[in-house]
Protein backbone atom coordinates (compact mmCIF):
# COMPACT_ATOMS: atom_id res chain seq x y z
CA MET A 1 -18.60 -1.23 5.66
CA PRO A 2 -14.79 -1.59 5.67
CA THR A 3 -13.02 0.77 3.30
CA GLN A 4 -10.12 0.04 0.98
CA GLU A 5 -7.93 2.16 3.26
CA HIS A 6 -8.85 -0.15 6.17
CA GLU A 7 -8.67 -3.46 4.33
CA VAL A 8 -5.60 -3.24 2.07
CA PRO A 9 -2.95 -3.17 4.83
CA LEU A 10 -4.69 -6.14 6.46
CA HIS A 11 -4.79 -7.96 3.12
CA MET A 12 -1.04 -7.41 2.81
CA ILE A 13 -0.45 -9.06 6.18
CA ARG A 14 -2.75 -11.97 5.39
CA GLN A 15 -0.91 -12.50 2.12
CA ARG A 16 2.54 -12.15 3.73
CA PRO A 17 2.29 -12.62 7.52
CA ARG A 18 5.99 -11.83 8.01
CA LEU A 19 5.12 -8.21 7.18
CA ALA A 20 3.65 -7.83 10.69
CA VAL A 21 6.93 -8.97 12.24
CA ASP A 22 8.96 -6.66 9.98
CA ILE A 23 6.80 -3.68 10.95
CA LEU A 24 6.92 -4.50 14.67
CA ARG A 25 10.72 -4.73 14.55
CA ARG A 26 11.11 -1.47 12.61
CA VAL A 27 8.67 0.51 14.75
CA THR A 28 9.90 -0.61 18.17
CA GLY A 29 13.57 -1.41 17.54
CA VAL A 30 13.16 -4.23 20.06
CA PRO A 31 14.89 -7.56 19.32
CA LEU A 32 12.25 -10.19 18.57
CA PRO A 33 12.53 -13.94 19.21
CA ASP A 34 14.32 -16.03 16.60
CA HIS A 35 11.81 -17.91 14.46
CA ASP A 36 11.65 -20.24 11.48
CA GLN A 37 8.37 -19.12 9.95
CA VAL A 38 5.43 -16.74 10.37
CA VAL A 39 1.88 -17.82 9.53
CA SER A 40 -1.59 -16.32 9.66
CA ALA A 41 -3.83 -17.46 12.49
CA SER A 42 -7.56 -17.16 13.10
CA GLU A 43 -9.05 -13.70 13.62
CA ASN A 44 -11.60 -15.25 15.98
CA VAL A 45 -10.39 -14.85 19.56
CA SER A 46 -13.63 -15.94 21.27
CA THR A 47 -13.55 -18.10 24.36
CA LEU A 48 -17.25 -18.16 25.25
CA LYS A 49 -20.31 -18.87 23.12
CA PRO A 50 -22.44 -17.15 22.01
CA ALA A 51 -20.10 -14.24 22.72
CA GLU A 52 -17.77 -13.63 19.78
CA MET A 53 -14.80 -11.34 19.39
CA VAL A 54 -13.13 -11.01 16.01
CA CYS A 55 -10.01 -8.91 15.54
CA ASP A 56 -8.73 -7.71 12.16
CA GLY A 57 -5.89 -10.24 11.93
CA THR A 58 -3.38 -12.37 13.79
CA VAL A 59 -0.02 -13.94 12.98
CA LEU A 60 2.14 -16.50 14.76
CA ALA A 61 5.92 -16.89 14.62
CA ASP A 62 7.34 -20.25 15.61
CA LYS A 63 10.75 -21.81 16.22
CA ASP A 64 11.25 -25.55 15.90
CA GLY A 65 7.49 -26.07 16.01
CA ASN A 66 6.96 -23.96 19.15
CA ASN A 67 5.12 -20.65 19.16
CA VAL A 68 7.49 -17.84 20.15
CA LEU A 69 5.52 -14.69 19.26
CA GLY A 70 1.94 -13.79 18.43
CA ILE A 71 0.79 -10.50 16.93
CA VAL A 72 -2.79 -9.25 17.02
CA VAL A 73 -3.25 -6.81 14.12
CA GLU A 74 -5.83 -4.02 14.06
CA SER A 75 -6.47 -1.23 11.56
CA GLN A 76 -7.91 1.87 13.21
CA ARG A 77 -8.47 5.47 12.05
CA GLN A 78 -9.33 7.00 15.43
CA LYS A 79 -10.09 6.13 19.03
CA ASP A 80 -13.01 3.78 19.50
CA PRO A 81 -14.24 3.37 23.10
CA ALA A 82 -15.28 -0.23 22.41
CA LYS A 83 -11.73 -1.15 21.41
CA PHE A 84 -10.51 0.16 24.77
CA TRP A 85 -12.23 -2.86 26.32
CA ARG A 86 -11.78 -5.39 23.52
CA TRP A 87 -8.09 -5.02 22.69
CA PRO A 88 -6.83 -6.34 26.06
CA ALA A 89 -9.21 -9.30 25.68
CA TYR A 90 -7.84 -10.03 22.18
CA VAL A 91 -4.28 -10.09 23.55
CA ALA A 92 -5.08 -12.17 26.63
CA THR A 93 -7.16 -14.73 24.75
CA PHE A 94 -4.62 -15.13 21.95
CA ARG A 95 -1.82 -15.44 24.54
CA ALA A 96 -3.69 -18.12 26.48
CA GLU A 97 -4.59 -20.09 23.35
CA HIS A 98 -1.08 -20.15 21.85
CA GLN A 99 0.97 -19.90 25.06
CA CYS A 100 3.49 -17.34 23.86
CA ASP A 101 4.24 -13.64 24.10
CA VAL A 102 1.75 -11.48 22.21
CA GLU A 103 1.95 -7.91 20.92
CA LEU A 104 -0.88 -5.69 19.70
CA LEU A 105 0.03 -3.95 16.40
CA VAL A 106 -2.30 -1.13 15.32
CA PHE A 107 -2.11 0.34 11.81
CA CYS A 108 -3.12 4.03 11.72
CA ARG A 109 -3.52 6.47 8.87
CA THR A 110 -1.58 9.29 10.55
CA SER A 111 1.11 9.67 13.21
CA GLN A 112 -1.30 11.81 15.25
CA ALA A 113 -3.77 8.91 15.39
CA ALA A 114 -0.92 6.51 16.22
CA ARG A 115 0.14 8.61 19.19
CA ALA A 116 -3.40 8.64 20.55
CA LEU A 117 -4.00 4.93 19.97
CA GLY A 118 -0.58 3.95 21.32
CA GLU A 119 -1.35 5.13 24.84
CA PRO A 120 -1.33 2.33 27.46
CA ILE A 121 -4.70 0.76 28.23
CA ILE A 122 -4.77 0.64 32.04
CA LEU A 123 -6.42 -2.53 33.32
CA GLY A 124 -6.80 -1.64 36.99
CA PRO A 125 -5.79 0.59 39.90
CA THR A 126 -2.33 -1.04 40.25
CA GLY A 127 -1.33 0.08 36.77
CA SER A 128 -1.33 -3.22 34.87
CA CYS A 129 -1.72 -2.38 31.22
CA VAL A 130 -1.72 -3.40 27.58
CA ARG A 131 0.43 -1.10 25.46
CA PRO A 132 -0.54 -1.09 21.77
CA VAL A 133 2.25 -0.67 19.22
CA ALA A 134 0.47 1.89 17.07
CA PHE A 135 2.12 3.22 13.92
CA ALA A 136 1.46 5.08 10.70
CA PRO A 137 3.36 4.56 7.42
CA GLU A 138 5.20 7.84 7.97
CA ASP A 139 6.68 6.37 11.16
CA LEU A 140 8.50 3.75 9.09
CA PRO A 141 11.69 4.69 7.23
CA PRO A 142 11.35 5.14 3.46
CA ILE A 143 12.48 2.32 1.20
CA THR A 144 14.60 3.82 -1.57
CA ASP A 145 16.59 0.79 -2.73
CA PRO A 146 14.85 -1.23 -5.49
CA ASP A 147 16.57 -4.42 -4.33
CA GLU A 148 15.20 -3.96 -0.81
CA ALA A 149 11.78 -3.21 -2.29
CA ILE A 150 11.87 -6.48 -4.20
CA ARG A 151 12.72 -8.33 -0.98
CA HIS A 152 9.96 -6.53 0.97
CA PRO A 153 7.40 -5.43 -1.66
CA GLU A 154 4.43 -4.90 0.66
CA LEU A 155 6.51 -2.82 3.06
CA ALA A 156 7.76 -0.65 0.19
CA ILE A 157 4.22 -0.17 -1.13
CA LEU A 158 2.76 0.55 2.30
CA THR A 159 5.28 3.33 2.99
CA THR A 160 5.23 4.93 -0.48
CA PRO A 161 2.34 7.40 0.11
CA ALA A 162 4.07 8.72 3.25
CA HIS A 163 7.45 9.39 1.64
CA VAL A 164 6.99 9.87 -2.10
CA GLU A 165 6.86 13.67 -1.74
CA SER A 166 9.85 13.83 0.59
CA PRO A 167 13.39 14.84 -0.55
CA VAL A 168 13.99 11.16 -1.47
CA GLY A 169 10.63 10.92 -3.23
CA ARG A 170 11.93 9.94 -6.66
CA ASP A 171 13.98 7.12 -5.12
CA VAL A 172 10.88 6.00 -3.20
CA ALA A 173 8.91 5.97 -6.48
CA ARG A 174 11.61 3.87 -8.17
CA ALA A 175 11.54 1.41 -5.28
CA TYR A 176 7.74 1.31 -5.53
CA ALA A 177 8.03 0.47 -9.22
CA ALA A 178 10.35 -2.41 -8.38
CA ALA A 179 7.99 -3.69 -5.67
CA ILE A 180 4.92 -3.63 -7.91
CA SER A 181 6.83 -5.43 -10.67
CA VAL A 182 7.30 -8.66 -8.69
CA LEU A 183 3.74 -9.11 -7.39
CA PRO A 184 0.97 -11.25 -8.88
CA ALA A 185 -1.33 -9.22 -11.11
CA ASP A 186 -4.34 -9.22 -8.76
CA ASN A 187 -2.35 -8.00 -5.75
CA ALA A 188 -0.45 -5.46 -7.85
CA GLN A 189 -3.71 -3.98 -9.14
CA LEU A 190 -5.23 -3.81 -5.65
CA TYR A 191 -2.15 -2.24 -4.07
CA ASP A 192 -1.58 0.23 -6.90
CA ASP A 193 -5.19 1.43 -6.68
CA TYR A 194 -4.76 1.82 -2.92
CA VAL A 195 -1.51 3.80 -3.21
CA ARG A 196 -2.77 6.11 -5.96
CA SER A 197 -5.94 6.86 -4.00
CA LEU A 198 -3.74 8.34 -1.25
CA LEU A 199 -1.44 10.41 -3.48
CA SER A 200 -1.63 14.06 -4.46
CA PRO A 201 -1.86 14.84 -8.21
CA HIS A 202 1.83 15.80 -8.14
CA ALA A 203 2.84 12.45 -6.64
CA GLN A 204 0.62 10.54 -9.07
CA GLN A 205 2.31 12.33 -11.98
CA MET A 206 5.73 11.39 -10.57
CA LEU A 207 4.76 7.72 -10.53
CA GLU A 208 3.47 7.92 -14.10
CA GLU A 209 6.75 9.45 -15.19
CA ILE A 210 8.99 6.99 -13.38
CA VAL A 211 7.25 3.63 -13.70
CA PRO A 212 7.44 3.37 -17.51
CA ILE A 213 11.09 4.45 -17.82
CA GLU A 214 12.77 2.39 -15.13
CA GLY A 215 14.87 -0.43 -16.55
CA TYR A 216 13.48 -3.30 -14.49
CA GLN A 217 12.54 -6.69 -15.88
CA TRP A 218 8.81 -6.42 -15.27
CA GLN A 219 7.36 -9.72 -14.07
CA SER A 220 3.62 -9.17 -13.66
CA ASP A 221 1.03 -8.84 -16.41
CA PHE A 222 -0.44 -5.90 -14.50
CA THR A 223 2.80 -3.93 -14.62
CA LEU A 224 3.28 -4.54 -18.32
CA ARG A 225 -0.27 -3.36 -18.97
CA ASN A 226 0.30 -0.31 -16.76
CA ILE A 227 3.43 0.63 -18.70
CA ALA A 228 1.57 0.31 -22.00
CA LYS A 229 -1.26 2.48 -20.69
CA GLY A 230 1.24 5.09 -19.52
CA GLU A 231 2.91 5.23 -22.93
CA ILE A 232 -0.43 5.55 -24.71
CA ARG A 233 -1.63 8.28 -22.33
CA GLY A 234 1.63 10.17 -22.82
CA GLU A 235 1.32 10.12 -26.61
CA ALA A 236 -2.30 11.31 -26.46
CA LYS A 237 -1.31 14.22 -24.21
CA ALA A 238 1.57 15.09 -26.54
CA ILE A 239 -0.81 15.32 -29.51
CA LEU A 240 -3.10 17.69 -27.60
CA ARG A 241 -0.15 19.84 -26.52
CA VAL A 242 1.01 20.27 -30.12
CA LEU A 243 -2.50 21.16 -31.27
CA ARG A 244 -2.79 23.71 -28.48
CA SER A 245 0.61 25.23 -29.32
CA GLN A 246 -0.53 25.64 -32.94
CA LYS A 247 -3.78 27.22 -31.76
CA VAL A 248 -5.86 24.49 -33.42
CA CYS A 249 -9.39 24.35 -32.05
CA VAL A 250 -10.06 20.97 -30.45
CA PRO A 251 -13.75 20.30 -29.64
CA ASP A 252 -14.55 18.12 -26.64
CA GLU A 253 -15.57 15.25 -28.90
CA ALA A 254 -12.18 15.30 -30.65
CA ARG A 255 -10.30 15.60 -27.37
CA ASP A 256 -12.16 12.57 -26.01
CA ARG A 257 -11.41 10.62 -29.19
CA ILE A 258 -7.68 11.28 -28.79
CA MET A 259 -7.50 10.61 -25.05
CA ASN A 260 -9.63 7.44 -25.26
CA CYS A 261 -7.74 5.95 -28.20
CA SER A 262 -6.06 2.68 -27.12
CA ASP A 263 -4.51 1.93 -30.53
CA GLN A 264 -0.85 2.87 -30.16
CA GLU A 265 -0.17 2.66 -33.91
CA GLN A 266 -3.00 5.12 -34.57
CA LEU A 267 -1.65 7.50 -31.94
CA GLU A 268 1.80 7.32 -33.51
CA ARG A 269 0.33 8.18 -36.93
CA TRP A 270 -1.45 11.19 -35.43
CA LEU A 271 1.73 12.21 -33.65
CA ASP A 272 3.68 12.11 -36.93
CA ARG A 273 1.01 14.21 -38.64
CA VAL A 274 0.03 16.69 -35.93
CA ALA A 275 2.76 19.23 -36.62
CA THR A 276 1.44 19.90 -40.13
CA VAL A 277 -2.33 20.17 -39.58
CA THR A 278 -4.35 23.36 -39.31
CA THR A 279 -7.62 21.74 -38.19
CA VAL A 280 -8.41 18.70 -36.06
CA ASP A 281 -10.29 17.19 -39.02
CA GLU A 282 -7.03 17.09 -40.96
CA LEU A 283 -5.52 15.08 -38.13
CA PHE A 284 -8.25 12.45 -38.36
CA ASP A 285 -8.27 12.22 -42.19
């Protein structure tokens, strides 16, 4: 069954096909054909029935109504012998159907996997080959400018886990906050869950610290809810820290009551009172 780690990058490309072109340009540095638009195409690259071959995704770039570039997109964790035979067929079939140049873009979790999967696939003894463009998020440069992140939100989100703990990590987190803020709520929730599942506890804490305090005009309902949850969680933790510093015994039941409280006004009342109590019961009175 496909995992979130496999599916989310593909979902990003299906939602914004131009992302595949942006990645291909940034990874290879090769000038790509001028084009007016980029659209998703069918993942089915079959030519014979009942045989069926379905790749993870495809996009087409066109200029003045003519196809100028096709990209077959695959998400792959490690070498798969079956793909050794199928990938050249995906490229050839897609090229024949749309009569344009075609590249094979392979999303990998790590640079080590990308190096292995980017090796040429030799087609015969004369050396004809298909050369996958395999990459991992760490192979892409970090996005640290919030304005650039707003222009390319999926690219900023995709590269965040790879760079958020680098020397420019806090700038990456700020750019991530900007990217999340402009997405529809359902995509923002999906992408945020994906990113946080890949982060260390330290990186997750950095995001929690930065997202609520950045001065962006949040545009999605998801982001506004996330900010509110961050503020509430912060106040609950502050109450527990004060109780601990005053050596007040806090049973598990009381700790859960504080941490699970979603009423911000109630938390603020407890926060005002916590410095003067000697027992947790006094806090709740």
